[in-house]
Amino acid sequence: MSETSELREMSNEQLHATMAETRKILFRMRIQAQTERLDVPTEMRRNRRQIARIKTILREREIAQTKAAIDQAIESAAG
């Protein structure tokens, strides 16, 4: 299973917790990058992309929820 599909299966609370943890890791890696060499430099890119994926999924859900609310309001006004 791909990483994105695993993220999509998570609840919003799990996504927020994952994003917070990934941000902490990224922060530590940035400090480590400034003070010494990183063991795996590509790990920073991987963490940045994971944060972006999580934000994208959360935004998609927000848009879908807003659209559903608008559609419901239109149906109740028309009916």
C-alpha atoms as a PDB file:
ATOM      1  CA  MET A   1       0.000   0.000   0.000  1.00  0.00           C
ATOM      2  CA  SER A   2       1.340   3.434  -0.839  1.00  0.00           C
ATOM      3  CA  GLU A   3       2.029   6.081   1.744  1.00  0.00           C
ATOM      4  CA  THR A   4      -0.699   8.376   0.434  1.00  0.00           C
ATOM      5  CA  SER A   5      -3.397   5.721   0.648  1.00  0.00           C
ATOM      6  CA  GLU A   6      -2.315   4.940   4.212  1.00  0.00           C
ATOM      7  CA  LEU A   7      -2.662   8.623   5.086  1.00  0.00           C
ATOM      8  CA  ARG A   8      -6.106   8.804   3.464  1.00  0.00           C
ATOM      9  CA  GLU A   9      -7.313   5.969   5.704  1.00  0.00           C
ATOM     10  CA  MET A  10      -6.409   7.932   8.846  1.00  0.00           C
ATOM     11  CA  SER A  11      -8.878  10.127  10.708  1.00  0.00           C
ATOM     12  CA  ASN A  12      -8.353  13.882  10.900  1.00  0.00           C
ATOM     13  CA  GLU A  13      -7.082  13.560  14.475  1.00  0.00           C
ATOM     14  CA  GLN A  14      -4.544  10.930  13.430  1.00  0.00           C
ATOM     15  CA  LEU A  15      -3.426  13.120  10.528  1.00  0.00           C
ATOM     16  CA  HIS A  16      -2.925  16.112  12.820  1.00  0.00           C
ATOM     17  CA  ALA A  17      -0.923  13.972  15.260  1.00  0.00           C
ATOM     18  CA  THR A  18       1.202  12.548  12.427  1.00  0.00           C
ATOM     19  CA  MET A  19       1.820  16.034  11.061  1.00  0.00           C
ATOM     20  CA  ALA A  20       2.861  17.329  14.493  1.00  0.00           C
ATOM     21  CA  GLU A  21       5.283  14.439  14.961  1.00  0.00           C
ATOM     22  CA  THR A  22       6.721  14.879  11.457  1.00  0.00           C
ATOM     23  CA  ARG A  23       7.199  18.601  12.095  1.00  0.00           C
ATOM     24  CA  LYS A  24       9.120  17.837  15.292  1.00  0.00           C
ATOM     25  CA  ILE A  25      11.342  15.395  13.432  1.00  0.00           C
ATOM     26  CA  LEU A  26      11.921  17.908  10.632  1.00  0.00           C
ATOM     27  CA  PHE A  27      12.809  20.611  13.161  1.00  0.00           C
ATOM     28  CA  ARG A  28      15.384  18.347  14.810  1.00  0.00           C
ATOM     29  CA  MET A  29      16.811  17.447  11.403  1.00  0.00           C
ATOM     30  CA  ARG A  30      17.156  21.114  10.444  1.00  0.00           C
ATOM     31  CA  ILE A  31      19.100  21.815  13.613  1.00  0.00           C
ATOM     32  CA  GLN A  32      21.237  18.737  13.040  1.00  0.00           C
ATOM     33  CA  ALA A  33      21.881  19.832   9.453  1.00  0.00           C
ATOM     34  CA  GLN A  34      23.176  23.183  10.702  1.00  0.00           C
ATOM     35  CA  THR A  35      25.413  21.736  13.379  1.00  0.00           C
ATOM     36  CA  GLU A  36      26.651  18.531  11.731  1.00  0.00           C
ATOM     37  CA  ARG A  37      26.167  16.291   8.733  1.00  0.00           C
ATOM     38  CA  LEU A  38      22.939  14.397   8.384  1.00  0.00           C
ATOM     39  CA  ASP A  39      23.128  10.624   8.113  1.00  0.00           C
ATOM     40  CA  VAL A  40      20.407  10.568   5.447  1.00  0.00           C
ATOM     41  CA  PRO A  41      19.978  13.983   3.773  1.00  0.00           C
ATOM     42  CA  THR A  42      16.997  12.793   1.728  1.00  0.00           C
ATOM     43  CA  GLU A  43      15.049  12.249   4.939  1.00  0.00           C
ATOM     44  CA  MET A  44      14.413  16.014   5.185  1.00  0.00           C
ATOM     45  CA  ARG A  45      12.799  16.012   1.756  1.00  0.00           C
ATOM     46  CA  ARG A  46      10.738  12.951   2.646  1.00  0.00           C
ATOM     47  CA  ASN A  47       9.428  14.638   5.818  1.00  0.00           C
ATOM     48  CA  ARG A  48       8.603  17.887   3.999  1.00  0.00           C
ATOM     49  CA  ARG A  49       6.666  15.947   1.384  1.00  0.00           C
ATOM     50  CA  GLN A  50       4.795  13.965   4.012  1.00  0.00           C
ATOM     51  CA  ILE A  51       3.688  17.210   5.681  1.00  0.00           C
ATOM     52  CA  ALA A  52       2.535  18.501   2.294  1.00  0.00           C
ATOM     53  CA  ARG A  53       0.589  15.282   1.638  1.00  0.00           C
ATOM     54  CA  ILE A  54      -1.144  15.527   5.007  1.00  0.00           C
ATOM     55  CA  LYS A  55      -2.051  19.174   4.438  1.00  0.00           C
ATOM     56  CA  THR A  56      -3.424  18.313   0.997  1.00  0.00           C
ATOM     57  CA  ILE A  57      -5.592  15.504   2.351  1.00  0.00           C
ATOM     58  CA  LEU A  58      -6.923  17.700   5.170  1.00  0.00           C
ATOM     59  CA  ARG A  59      -7.738  20.475   2.701  1.00  0.00           C
ATOM     60  CA  GLU A  60      -9.502  18.057   0.337  1.00  0.00           C
ATOM     61  CA  ARG A  61     -11.644  16.846   3.232  1.00  0.00           C
ATOM     62  CA  GLU A  62     -12.431  20.422   4.250  1.00  0.00           C
ATOM     63  CA  ILE A  63     -13.502  21.304   0.707  1.00  0.00           C
ATOM     64  CA  ALA A  64     -15.662  18.167   0.433  1.00  0.00           C
ATOM     65  CA  GLN A  65     -17.319  18.937   3.762  1.00  0.00           C
ATOM     66  CA  THR A  66     -18.060  22.530   2.727  1.00  0.00           C
ATOM     67  CA  LYS A  67     -19.438  21.378  -0.610  1.00  0.00           C
ATOM     68  CA  ALA A  68     -21.700  18.862   1.112  1.00  0.00           C
ATOM     69  CA  ALA A  69     -23.002  21.560   3.469  1.00  0.00           C
ATOM     70  CA  ILE A  70     -23.705  23.910   0.550  1.00  0.00           C
ATOM     71  CA  ASP A  71     -25.473  21.164  -1.404  1.00  0.00           C
ATOM     72  CA  GLN A  72     -27.571  20.314   1.638  1.00  0.00           C
ATOM     73  CA  ALA A  73     -28.525  23.982   2.135  1.00  0.00           C
ATOM     74  CA  ILE A  74     -29.543  24.277  -1.528  1.00  0.00           C
ATOM     75  CA  GLU A  75     -31.655  21.126  -1.311  1.00  0.00           C
ATOM     76  CA  SER A  76     -33.427  22.283   1.841  1.00  0.00           C
ATOM     77  CA  ALA A  77     -34.084  25.733   0.346  1.00  0.00           C
ATOM     78  CA  ALA A  78     -35.447  24.252  -2.871  1.00  0.00           C
ATOM     79  CA  GLY A  79     -37.566  21.610  -1.163  1.00  0.00           C
END
